[in-house]
Amino acid sequence: MDPSEHRIRLKRYALEIYAPGSRSLDVVCTFESDEPFLPIHVGDLLNPRAWDPHYTSMVNSQPSEFGIVLRVIGVEHYIFQKDEGFSQHKLGIFTEALDDVAESRPI
């Protein structure tokens, strides 16, 4: 086996979700995949209820009696290259917290 195959390989796609109000300094959750994620746009809602409880507690630092959802307020693309070309496409997702109530959802 080629020795280069023993190196840890980055997944080709990643999402890095930042804490509400953060300027990419506070990563609360990261997802990686070998397959591209569906597009994420400003205004989309992310519901952290399905995440690991550790990540949910980082997002919900000021607990709401209703729980929270995250509204996407910005998306930044990072394209990583190595000598041999494309390595990873990572999306940085900037968010704001909203109460997890019907009024937070689009009509």
PDB file of N, CA and C in Angstrom:
ATOM      1  N   MET A   1       0.851  -1.194   0.000  1.00  0.00           N
ATOM      2  CA  MET A   1       0.000   0.000   0.000  1.00  0.00           C
ATOM      3  C   MET A   1       0.887   1.244   0.000  1.00  0.00           C
ATOM      4  N   ASP A   2       0.499   2.224  -0.756  1.00  0.00           N
ATOM      5  CA  ASP A   2       1.224   3.483  -0.855  1.00  0.00           C
ATOM      6  C   ASP A   2       1.227   4.178   0.513  1.00  0.00           C
ATOM      7  N   PRO A   3       2.415   4.601   1.045  1.00  0.00           N
ATOM      8  CA  PRO A   3       2.466   5.251   2.371  1.00  0.00           C
ATOM      9  C   PRO A   3       1.609   6.502   2.467  1.00  0.00           C
ATOM     10  N   SER A   4       1.397   7.193   1.348  1.00  0.00           N
ATOM     11  CA  SER A   4       0.583   8.414   1.404  1.00  0.00           C
ATOM     12  C   SER A   4      -0.872   8.101   1.733  1.00  0.00           C
ATOM     13  N   GLU A   5      -1.313   6.864   1.540  1.00  0.00           N
ATOM     14  CA  GLU A   5      -2.688   6.487   1.846  1.00  0.00           C
ATOM     15  C   GLU A   5      -2.926   6.362   3.346  1.00  0.00           C
ATOM     16  N   HIS A   6      -1.868   6.355   4.135  1.00  0.00           N
ATOM     17  CA  HIS A   6      -1.999   6.226   5.582  1.00  0.00           C
ATOM     18  C   HIS A   6      -2.268   7.566   6.265  1.00  0.00           C
ATOM     19  N   ARG A   7      -2.095   8.660   5.544  1.00  0.00           N
ATOM     20  CA  ARG A   7      -2.354   9.970   6.124  1.00  0.00           C
ATOM     21  C   ARG A   7      -3.850  10.154   6.351  1.00  0.00           C
ATOM     22  N   ILE A   8      -4.158  10.947   7.357  1.00  0.00           N
ATOM     23  CA  ILE A   8      -5.569  11.260   7.600  1.00  0.00           C
ATOM     24  C   ILE A   8      -6.062  12.129   6.451  1.00  0.00           C
ATOM     25  N   ARG A   9      -7.168  11.740   5.871  1.00  0.00           N
ATOM     26  CA  ARG A   9      -7.731  12.447   4.734  1.00  0.00           C
ATOM     27  C   ARG A   9      -8.900  13.307   5.183  1.00  0.00           C
ATOM     28  N   LEU A  10      -8.860  14.582   4.794  1.00  0.00           N
ATOM     29  CA  LEU A  10      -9.996  15.461   5.057  1.00  0.00           C
ATOM     30  C   LEU A  10     -11.192  15.003   4.236  1.00  0.00           C
ATOM     31  N   LYS A  11     -12.359  15.129   4.815  1.00  0.00           N
ATOM     32  CA  LYS A  11     -13.568  14.948   4.011  1.00  0.00           C
ATOM     33  C   LYS A  11     -13.594  16.088   3.000  1.00  0.00           C
ATOM     34  N   ARG A  12     -14.223  15.860   1.877  1.00  0.00           N
ATOM     35  CA  ARG A  12     -14.198  16.848   0.798  1.00  0.00           C
ATOM     36  C   ARG A  12     -15.089  18.061   1.071  1.00  0.00           C
ATOM     37  N   TYR A  13     -16.078  17.912   1.951  1.00  0.00           N
ATOM     38  CA  TYR A  13     -17.026  18.995   2.212  1.00  0.00           C
ATOM     39  C   TYR A  13     -17.198  19.153   3.724  1.00  0.00           C
ATOM     40  N   ALA A  14     -17.368  20.390   4.171  1.00  0.00           N
ATOM     41  CA  ALA A  14     -17.542  20.640   5.599  1.00  0.00           C
ATOM     42  C   ALA A  14     -18.458  21.842   5.812  1.00  0.00           C
ATOM     43  N   LEU A  15     -19.199  21.785   6.914  1.00  0.00           N
ATOM     44  CA  LEU A  15     -19.977  22.926   7.403  1.00  0.00           C
ATOM     45  C   LEU A  15     -19.397  23.296   8.756  1.00  0.00           C
ATOM     46  N   GLU A  16     -19.178  24.571   8.958  1.00  0.00           N
ATOM     47  CA  GLU A  16     -18.704  25.060  10.248  1.00  0.00           C
ATOM     48  C   GLU A  16     -19.734  26.089  10.694  1.00  0.00           C
ATOM     49  N   ILE A  17     -20.453  25.791  11.757  1.00  0.00           N
ATOM     50  CA  ILE A  17     -21.540  26.662  12.207  1.00  0.00           C
ATOM     51  C   ILE A  17     -21.032  27.471  13.394  1.00  0.00           C
ATOM     52  N   TYR A  18     -21.170  28.797  13.273  1.00  0.00           N
ATOM     53  CA  TYR A  18     -20.667  29.712  14.292  1.00  0.00           C
ATOM     54  C   TYR A  18     -21.762  30.093  15.276  1.00  0.00           C
ATOM     55  N   ALA A  19     -21.346  30.357  16.507  1.00  0.00           N
ATOM     56  CA  ALA A  19     -22.272  30.767  17.564  1.00  0.00           C
ATOM     57  C   ALA A  19     -23.016  32.033  17.133  1.00  0.00           C
ATOM     58  N   PRO A  20     -24.265  32.167  17.572  1.00  0.00           N
ATOM     59  CA  PRO A  20     -25.022  33.372  17.234  1.00  0.00           C
ATOM     60  C   PRO A  20     -24.234  34.633  17.582  1.00  0.00           C
ATOM     61  N   GLY A  21     -24.149  35.550  16.614  1.00  0.00           N
ATOM     62  CA  GLY A  21     -23.448  36.815  16.817  1.00  0.00           C
ATOM     63  C   GLY A  21     -21.934  36.732  16.701  1.00  0.00           C
ATOM     64  N   SER A  22     -21.381  35.553  16.467  1.00  0.00           N
ATOM     65  CA  SER A  22     -19.933  35.380  16.378  1.00  0.00           C
ATOM     66  C   SER A  22     -19.423  35.795  15.005  1.00  0.00           C
ATOM     67  N   ARG A  23     -18.189  36.219  14.936  1.00  0.00           N
ATOM     68  CA  ARG A  23     -17.531  36.569  13.675  1.00  0.00           C
ATOM     69  C   ARG A  23     -16.555  35.474  13.275  1.00  0.00           C
ATOM     70  N   SER A  24     -16.989  34.232  13.332  1.00  0.00           N
ATOM     71  CA  SER A  24     -16.245  33.027  12.963  1.00  0.00           C
ATOM     72  C   SER A  24     -15.202  32.635  13.992  1.00  0.00           C
ATOM     73  N   LEU A  25     -15.290  33.187  15.187  1.00  0.00           N
ATOM     74  CA  LEU A  25     -14.335  32.818  16.232  1.00  0.00           C
ATOM     75  C   LEU A  25     -14.855  31.674  17.097  1.00  0.00           C
ATOM     76  N   ASP A  26     -16.154  31.554  17.230  1.00  0.00           N
ATOM     77  CA  ASP A  26     -16.760  30.549  18.099  1.00  0.00           C
ATOM     78  C   ASP A  26     -17.492  29.497  17.272  1.00  0.00           C
ATOM     79  N   VAL A  27     -16.797  28.418  16.963  1.00  0.00           N
ATOM     80  CA  VAL A  27     -17.413  27.321  16.211  1.00  0.00           C
ATOM     81  C   VAL A  27     -18.196  26.474  17.200  1.00  0.00           C
ATOM     82  N   VAL A  28     -19.489  26.305  16.942  1.00  0.00           N
ATOM     83  CA  VAL A  28     -20.300  25.485  17.843  1.00  0.00           C
ATOM     84  C   VAL A  28     -20.542  24.090  17.306  1.00  0.00           C
ATOM     85  N   CYS A  29     -20.386  23.908  16.002  1.00  0.00           N
ATOM     86  CA  CYS A  29     -20.645  22.589  15.450  1.00  0.00           C
ATOM     87  C   CYS A  29     -19.992  22.480  14.072  1.00  0.00           C
ATOM     88  N   THR A  30     -19.441  21.307  13.787  1.00  0.00           N
ATOM     89  CA  THR A  30     -18.836  21.039  12.484  1.00  0.00           C
ATOM     90  C   THR A  30     -19.370  19.720  11.951  1.00  0.00           C
ATOM     91  N   PHE A  31     -19.719  19.716  10.682  1.00  0.00           N
ATOM     92  CA  PHE A  31     -20.136  18.494   9.996  1.00  0.00           C
ATOM     93  C   PHE A  31     -19.221  18.304   8.794  1.00  0.00           C
ATOM     94  N   GLU A  32     -18.832  17.065   8.525  1.00  0.00           N
ATOM     95  CA  GLU A  32     -18.004  16.763   7.358  1.00  0.00           C
ATOM     96  C   GLU A  32     -18.628  15.631   6.563  1.00  0.00           C
ATOM     97  N   SER A  33     -18.383  15.635   5.257  1.00  0.00           N
ATOM     98  CA  SER A  33     -18.960  14.621   4.382  1.00  0.00           C
ATOM     99  C   SER A  33     -18.106  14.473   3.130  1.00  0.00           C
ATOM    100  N   ASP A  34     -18.171  13.308   2.528  1.00  0.00           N
ATOM    101  CA  ASP A  34     -17.541  13.118   1.223  1.00  0.00           C
ATOM    102  C   ASP A  34     -18.476  13.554   0.098  1.00  0.00           C
ATOM    103  N   GLU A  35     -19.729  13.805   0.431  1.00  0.00           N
ATOM    104  CA  GLU A  35     -20.724  14.261  -0.544  1.00  0.00           C
ATOM    105  C   GLU A  35     -21.076  15.718  -0.235  1.00  0.00           C
ATOM    106  N   PRO A  36     -21.357  16.522  -1.263  1.00  0.00           N
ATOM    107  CA  PRO A  36     -21.702  17.925  -1.003  1.00  0.00           C
ATOM    108  C   PRO A  36     -23.011  18.053  -0.215  1.00  0.00           C
ATOM    109  N   PHE A  37     -23.088  19.082   0.590  1.00  0.00           N
ATOM    110  CA  PHE A  37     -24.315  19.393   1.315  1.00  0.00           C
ATOM    111  C   PHE A  37     -25.259  20.143   0.375  1.00  0.00           C
ATOM    112  N   LEU A  38     -26.539  20.096   0.668  1.00  0.00           N
ATOM    113  CA  LEU A  38     -27.482  20.927  -0.085  1.00  0.00           C
ATOM    114  C   LEU A  38     -27.149  22.389   0.192  1.00  0.00           C
ATOM    115  N   PRO A  39     -27.498  23.292  -0.713  1.00  0.00           N
ATOM    116  CA  PRO A  39     -27.174  24.709  -0.504  1.00  0.00           C
ATOM    117  C   PRO A  39     -27.808  25.254   0.779  1.00  0.00           C
ATOM    118  N   ILE A  40     -27.081  26.133   1.433  1.00  0.00           N
ATOM    119  CA  ILE A  40     -27.576  26.836   2.620  1.00  0.00           C
ATOM    120  C   ILE A  40     -27.518  28.323   2.286  1.00  0.00           C
ATOM    121  N   HIS A  41     -28.652  29.013   2.516  1.00  0.00           N
ATOM    122  CA  HIS A  41     -28.774  30.413   2.122  1.00  0.00           C
ATOM    123  C   HIS A  41     -29.111  31.286   3.322  1.00  0.00           C
ATOM    124  N   VAL A  42     -28.818  32.575   3.198  1.00  0.00           N
ATOM    125  CA  VAL A  42     -29.234  33.552   4.204  1.00  0.00           C
ATOM    126  C   VAL A  42     -30.741  33.447   4.367  1.00  0.00           C
ATOM    127  N   GLY A  43     -31.201  33.410   5.607  1.00  0.00           N
ATOM    128  CA  GLY A  43     -32.630  33.291   5.905  1.00  0.00           C
ATOM    129  C   GLY A  43     -33.044  31.872   6.251  1.00  0.00           C
ATOM    130  N   ASP A  44     -32.257  30.858   5.847  1.00  0.00           N
ATOM    131  CA  ASP A  44     -32.576  29.475   6.208  1.00  0.00           C
ATOM    132  C   ASP A  44     -32.511  29.296   7.719  1.00  0.00           C
ATOM    133  N   LEU A  45     -33.296  28.351   8.232  1.00  0.00           N
ATOM    134  CA  LEU A  45     -33.277  28.022   9.653  1.00  0.00           C
ATOM    135  C   LEU A  45     -32.554  26.695   9.861  1.00  0.00           C
ATOM    136  N   LEU A  46     -31.704  26.654  10.886  1.00  0.00           N
ATOM    137  CA  LEU A  46     -31.043  25.424  11.307  1.00  0.00           C
ATOM    138  C   LEU A  46     -31.586  25.076  12.684  1.00  0.00           C
ATOM    139  N   ASN A  47     -32.039  23.848  12.853  1.00  0.00           N
ATOM    140  CA  ASN A  47     -32.599  23.437  14.137  1.00  0.00           C
ATOM    141  C   ASN A  47     -31.599  22.531  14.845  1.00  0.00           C
ATOM    142  N   PRO A  48     -30.986  23.010  15.930  1.00  0.00           N
ATOM    143  CA  PRO A  48     -29.948  22.243  16.609  1.00  0.00           C
ATOM    144  C   PRO A  48     -30.467  21.119  17.512  1.00  0.00           C
ATOM    145  N   ARG A  49     -31.783  20.905  17.568  1.00  0.00           N
ATOM    146  CA  ARG A  49     -32.326  19.850  18.445  1.00  0.00           C
ATOM    147  C   ARG A  49     -31.779  18.461  18.117  1.00  0.00           C
ATOM    148  N   ALA A  50     -31.439  18.227  16.850  1.00  0.00           N
ATOM    149  CA  ALA A  50     -30.958  16.899  16.441  1.00  0.00           C
ATOM    150  C   ALA A  50     -29.443  16.739  16.641  1.00  0.00           C
ATOM    151  N   TRP A  51     -28.763  17.790  17.072  1.00  0.00           N
ATOM    152  CA  TRP A  51     -27.317  17.736  17.264  1.00  0.00           C
ATOM    153  C   TRP A  51     -26.989  17.081  18.596  1.00  0.00           C
ATOM    154  N   ASP A  52     -25.750  16.718  18.753  1.00  0.00           N
ATOM    155  CA  ASP A  52     -25.234  16.212  20.022  1.00  0.00           C
ATOM    156  C   ASP A  52     -25.550  17.246  21.114  1.00  0.00           C
ATOM    157  N   PRO A  53     -25.987  16.806  22.299  1.00  0.00           N
ATOM    158  CA  PRO A  53     -26.339  17.755  23.366  1.00  0.00           C
ATOM    159  C   PRO A  53     -25.222  18.740  23.718  1.00  0.00           C
ATOM    160  N   HIS A  54     -23.982  18.332  23.565  1.00  0.00           N
ATOM    161  CA  HIS A  54     -22.859  19.243  23.838  1.00  0.00           C
ATOM    162  C   HIS A  54     -22.936  20.473  22.937  1.00  0.00           C
ATOM    163  N   TYR A  55     -23.210  20.262  21.636  1.00  0.00           N
ATOM    164  CA  TYR A  55     -23.295  21.376  20.700  1.00  0.00           C
ATOM    165  C   TYR A  55     -24.532  22.222  20.965  1.00  0.00           C
ATOM    166  N   THR A  56     -25.628  21.559  21.286  1.00  0.00           N
ATOM    167  CA  THR A  56     -26.866  22.288  21.560  1.00  0.00           C
ATOM    168  C   THR A  56     -26.675  23.234  22.740  1.00  0.00           C
ATOM    169  N   SER A  57     -25.980  22.785  23.784  1.00  0.00           N
ATOM    170  CA  SER A  57     -25.766  23.648  24.954  1.00  0.00           C
ATOM    171  C   SER A  57     -24.866  24.836  24.601  1.00  0.00           C
ATOM    172  N   MET A  58     -23.940  24.660  23.666  1.00  0.00           N
ATOM    173  CA  MET A  58     -23.076  25.768  23.257  1.00  0.00           C
ATOM    174  C   MET A  58     -23.870  26.833  22.498  1.00  0.00           C
ATOM    175  N   VAL A  59     -24.855  26.406  21.732  1.00  0.00           N
ATOM    176  CA  VAL A  59     -25.675  27.328  20.957  1.00  0.00           C
ATOM    177  C   VAL A  59     -26.691  28.021  21.854  1.00  0.00           C
ATOM    178  N   ASN A  60     -27.243  27.289  22.796  1.00  0.00           N
ATOM    179  CA  ASN A  60     -28.315  27.782  23.663  1.00  0.00           C
ATOM    180  C   ASN A  60     -27.740  28.245  25.001  1.00  0.00           C
ATOM    181  N   SER A  61     -26.737  29.138  24.959  1.00  0.00           N
ATOM    182  CA  SER A  61     -26.066  29.575  26.179  1.00  0.00           C
ATOM    183  C   SER A  61     -26.976  30.414  27.081  1.00  0.00           C
ATOM    184  N   GLN A  62     -27.963  31.079  26.492  1.00  0.00           N
ATOM    185  CA  GLN A  62     -28.968  31.806  27.271  1.00  0.00           C
ATOM    186  C   GLN A  62     -30.299  31.123  26.988  1.00  0.00           C
ATOM    187  N   PRO A  63     -30.566  30.024  27.716  1.00  0.00           N
ATOM    188  CA  PRO A  63     -31.714  29.175  27.376  1.00  0.00           C
ATOM    189  C   PRO A  63     -33.026  29.938  27.251  1.00  0.00           C
ATOM    190  N   SER A  64     -33.730  29.581  26.226  1.00  0.00           N
ATOM    191  CA  SER A  64     -35.066  30.106  25.984  1.00  0.00           C
ATOM    192  C   SER A  64     -36.047  29.070  26.510  1.00  0.00           C
ATOM    193  N   GLU A  65     -37.177  29.503  27.020  1.00  0.00           N
ATOM    194  CA  GLU A  65     -38.170  28.539  27.494  1.00  0.00           C
ATOM    195  C   GLU A  65     -38.726  27.703  26.350  1.00  0.00           C
ATOM    196  N   PHE A  66     -38.528  28.157  25.110  1.00  0.00           N
ATOM    197  CA  PHE A  66     -39.044  27.450  23.939  1.00  0.00           C
ATOM    198  C   PHE A  66     -37.971  26.645  23.210  1.00  0.00           C
ATOM    199  N   GLY A  67     -36.694  26.831  23.581  1.00  0.00           N
ATOM    200  CA  GLY A  67     -35.599  26.298  22.783  1.00  0.00           C
ATOM    201  C   GLY A  67     -35.295  27.310  21.686  1.00  0.00           C
ATOM    202  N   ILE A  68     -34.297  27.018  20.878  1.00  0.00           N
ATOM    203  CA  ILE A  68     -33.946  27.975  19.830  1.00  0.00           C
ATOM    204  C   ILE A  68     -33.781  27.289  18.479  1.00  0.00           C
ATOM    205  N   VAL A  69     -33.884  28.098  17.449  1.00  0.00           N
ATOM    206  CA  VAL A  69     -33.461  27.744  16.103  1.00  0.00           C
ATOM    207  C   VAL A  69     -32.447  28.811  15.699  1.00  0.00           C
ATOM    208  N   LEU A  70     -31.625  28.488  14.721  1.00  0.00           N
ATOM    209  CA  LEU A  70     -30.627  29.432  14.242  1.00  0.00           C
ATOM    210  C   LEU A  70     -30.996  29.889  12.844  1.00  0.00           C
ATOM    211  N   ARG A  71     -31.069  31.204  12.651  1.00  0.00           N
ATOM    212  CA  ARG A  71     -31.311  31.745  11.316  1.00  0.00           C
ATOM    213  C   ARG A  71     -29.952  32.078  10.709  1.00  0.00           C
ATOM    214  N   VAL A  72     -29.749  31.655   9.481  1.00  0.00           N
ATOM    215  CA  VAL A  72     -28.500  31.927   8.769  1.00  0.00           C
ATOM    216  C   VAL A  72     -28.490  33.395   8.351  1.00  0.00           C
ATOM    217  N   ILE A  73     -27.450  34.125   8.790  1.00  0.00           N
ATOM    218  CA  ILE A  73     -27.346  35.543   8.423  1.00  0.00           C
ATOM    219  C   ILE A  73     -26.161  35.793   7.487  1.00  0.00           C
ATOM    220  N   GLY A  74     -25.361  34.759   7.244  1.00  0.00           N
ATOM    221  CA  GLY A  74     -24.241  34.895   6.319  1.00  0.00           C
ATOM    222  C   GLY A  74     -23.601  33.550   6.040  1.00  0.00           C
ATOM    223  N   VAL A  75     -23.018  33.424   4.854  1.00  0.00           N
ATOM    224  CA  VAL A  75     -22.325  32.197   4.453  1.00  0.00           C
ATOM    225  C   VAL A  75     -20.997  32.605   3.830  1.00  0.00           C
ATOM    226  N   GLU A  76     -19.917  31.977   4.277  1.00  0.00           N
ATOM    227  CA  GLU A  76     -18.595  32.232   3.708  1.00  0.00           C
ATOM    228  C   GLU A  76     -18.036  30.916   3.182  1.00  0.00           C
ATOM    229  N   HIS A  77     -17.486  30.947   1.971  1.00  0.00           N
ATOM    230  CA  HIS A  77     -16.925  29.751   1.347  1.00  0.00           C
ATOM    231  C   HIS A  77     -15.414  29.739   1.519  1.00  0.00           C
ATOM    232  N   TYR A  78     -14.893  28.604   1.947  1.00  0.00           N
ATOM    233  CA  TYR A  78     -13.454  28.390   2.031  1.00  0.00           C
ATOM    234  C   TYR A  78     -13.117  27.239   1.083  1.00  0.00           C
ATOM    235  N   ILE A  79     -12.247  27.469   0.136  1.00  0.00           N
ATOM    236  CA  ILE A  79     -11.819  26.431  -0.792  1.00  0.00           C
ATOM    237  C   ILE A  79     -10.348  26.140  -0.481  1.00  0.00           C
ATOM    238  N   PHE A  80     -10.081  24.943   0.013  1.00  0.00           N
ATOM    239  CA  PHE A  80      -8.719  24.565   0.381  1.00  0.00           C
ATOM    240  C   PHE A  80      -8.075  23.812  -0.774  1.00  0.00           C
ATOM    241  N   GLN A  81      -6.808  24.128  -1.023  1.00  0.00           N
ATOM    242  CA  GLN A  81      -6.060  23.461  -2.075  1.00  0.00           C
ATOM    243  C   GLN A  81      -4.798  22.839  -1.491  1.00  0.00           C
ATOM    244  N   LYS A  82      -4.382  21.752  -2.110  1.00  0.00           N
ATOM    245  CA  LYS A  82      -3.081  21.149  -1.840  1.00  0.00           C
ATOM    246  C   LYS A  82      -2.324  21.170  -3.156  1.00  0.00           C
ATOM    247  N   ASP A  83      -1.095  20.728  -3.128  1.00  0.00           N
ATOM    248  CA  ASP A  83      -0.295  20.707  -4.358  1.00  0.00           C
ATOM    249  C   ASP A  83      -0.992  19.977  -5.490  1.00  0.00           C
ATOM    250  N   GLU A  84      -1.727  18.922  -5.135  1.00  0.00           N
ATOM    251  CA  GLU A  84      -2.392  18.131  -6.175  1.00  0.00           C
ATOM    252  C   GLU A  84      -3.767  18.676  -6.555  1.00  0.00           C
ATOM    253  N   GLY A  85      -4.165  19.828  -6.020  1.00  0.00           N
ATOM    254  CA  GLY A  85      -5.432  20.447  -6.414  1.00  0.00           C
ATOM    255  C   GLY A  85      -6.416  20.579  -5.267  1.00  0.00           C
ATOM    256  N   PHE A  86      -7.690  20.487  -5.603  1.00  0.00           N
ATOM    257  CA  PHE A  86      -8.784  20.664  -4.646  1.00  0.00           C
ATOM    258  C   PHE A  86      -8.662  19.707  -3.469  1.00  0.00           C
ATOM    259  N   SER A  87      -8.865  20.221  -2.279  1.00  0.00           N
ATOM    260  CA  SER A  87      -8.806  19.399  -1.084  1.00  0.00           C
ATOM    261  C   SER A  87     -10.137  19.401  -0.343  1.00  0.00           C
ATOM    262  N   GLN A  88     -10.690  20.605  -0.084  1.00  0.00           N
ATOM    263  CA  GLN A  88     -11.932  20.673   0.681  1.00  0.00           C
ATOM    264  C   GLN A  88     -12.674  21.975   0.386  1.00  0.00           C
ATOM    265  N   HIS A  89     -14.009  21.885   0.377  1.00  0.00           N
ATOM    266  CA  HIS A  89     -14.887  23.052   0.298  1.00  0.00           C
ATOM    267  C   HIS A  89     -15.616  23.126   1.635  1.00  0.00           C
ATOM    268  N   LYS A  90     -15.341  24.193   2.382  1.00  0.00           N
ATOM    269  CA  LYS A  90     -15.977  24.365   3.692  1.00  0.00           C
ATOM    270  C   LYS A  90     -16.855  25.607   3.651  1.00  0.00           C
ATOM    271  N   LEU A  91     -18.048  25.490   4.225  1.00  0.00           N
ATOM    272  CA  LEU A  91     -18.946  26.625   4.371  1.00  0.00           C
ATOM    273  C   LEU A  91     -18.916  27.095   5.814  1.00  0.00           C
ATOM    274  N   GLY A  92     -18.640  28.367   6.022  1.00  0.00           N
ATOM    275  CA  GLY A  92     -18.761  28.983   7.340  1.00  0.00           C
ATOM    276  C   GLY A  92     -20.148  29.587   7.436  1.00  0.00           C
ATOM    277  N   ILE A  93     -20.917  29.166   8.439  1.00  0.00           N
ATOM    278  CA  ILE A  93     -22.319  29.581   8.560  1.00  0.00           C
ATOM    279  C   ILE A  93     -22.466  30.523   9.756  1.00  0.00           C
ATOM    280  N   PHE A  94     -22.791  31.771   9.490  1.00  0.00           N
ATOM    281  CA  PHE A  94     -23.012  32.781  10.530  1.00  0.00           C
ATOM    282  C   PHE A  94     -24.499  32.773  10.900  1.00  0.00           C
ATOM    283  N   THR A  95     -24.794  32.871  12.204  1.00  0.00           N
ATOM    284  CA  THR A  95     -26.172  32.687  12.657  1.00  0.00           C
ATOM    285  C   THR A  95     -26.611  33.740  13.670  1.00  0.00           C
ATOM    286  N   GLU A  96     -27.927  33.776  13.853  1.00  0.00           N
ATOM    287  CA  GLU A  96     -28.539  34.491  14.975  1.00  0.00           C
ATOM    288  C   GLU A  96     -29.562  33.543  15.593  1.00  0.00           C
ATOM    289  N   ALA A  97     -29.766  33.663  16.894  1.00  0.00           N
ATOM    290  CA  ALA A  97     -30.693  32.776  17.605  1.00  0.00           C
ATOM    291  C   ALA A  97     -32.101  33.368  17.606  1.00  0.00           C
ATOM    292  N   LEU A  98     -33.074  32.489  17.402  1.00  0.00           N
ATOM    293  CA  LEU A  98     -34.492  32.861  17.490  1.00  0.00           C
ATOM    294  C   LEU A  98     -35.188  31.851  18.403  1.00  0.00           C
ATOM    295  N   ASP A  99     -36.230  32.284  19.081  1.00  0.00           N
ATOM    296  CA  ASP A  99     -37.033  31.333  19.848  1.00  0.00           C
ATOM    297  C   ASP A  99     -37.625  30.297  18.897  1.00  0.00           C
ATOM    298  N   ASP A 100     -37.683  29.058  19.345  1.00  0.00           N
ATOM    299  CA  ASP A 100     -38.217  27.968  18.532  1.00  0.00           C
ATOM    300  C   ASP A 100     -39.745  27.948  18.667  1.00  0.00           C
ATOM    301  N   VAL A 101     -40.372  28.931  18.022  1.00  0.00           N
ATOM    302  CA  VAL A 101     -41.830  29.055  18.047  1.00  0.00           C
ATOM    303  C   VAL A 101     -42.332  29.230  16.617  1.00  0.00           C
ATOM    304  N   ALA A 102     -43.614  29.050  16.409  1.00  0.00           N
ATOM    305  CA  ALA A 102     -44.201  29.130  15.079  1.00  0.00           C
ATOM    306  C   ALA A 102     -43.892  30.468  14.394  1.00  0.00           C
ATOM    307  N   GLU A 103     -43.871  31.541  15.159  1.00  0.00           N
ATOM    308  CA  GLU A 103     -43.652  32.859  14.598  1.00  0.00           C
ATOM    309  C   GLU A 103     -42.252  33.003  13.986  1.00  0.00           C
ATOM    310  N   SER A 104     -41.320  32.149  14.355  1.00  0.00           N
ATOM    311  CA  SER A 104     -39.965  32.192  13.800  1.00  0.00           C
ATOM    312  C   SER A 104     -39.886  31.561  12.422  1.00  0.00           C
ATOM    313  N   ARG A 105     -40.939  30.829  12.052  1.00  0.00           N
ATOM    314  CA  ARG A 105     -40.954  30.117  10.769  1.00  0.00           C
ATOM    315  C   ARG A 105     -41.552  30.996   9.681  1.00  0.00           C
ATOM    316  N   PRO A 106     -41.056  30.821   8.444  1.00  0.00           N
ATOM    317  CA  PRO A 106     -41.661  31.587   7.339  1.00  0.00           C
ATOM    318  C   PRO A 106     -43.087  31.103   7.069  1.00  0.00           C
ATOM    319  N   ILE A 107     -43.873  31.975   6.513  1.00  0.00           N
ATOM    320  CA  ILE A 107     -45.264  31.624   6.203  1.00  0.00           C
ATOM    321  C   ILE A 107     -45.307  30.887   4.893  1.00  0.00           C
TER     322      ILE A 107
END
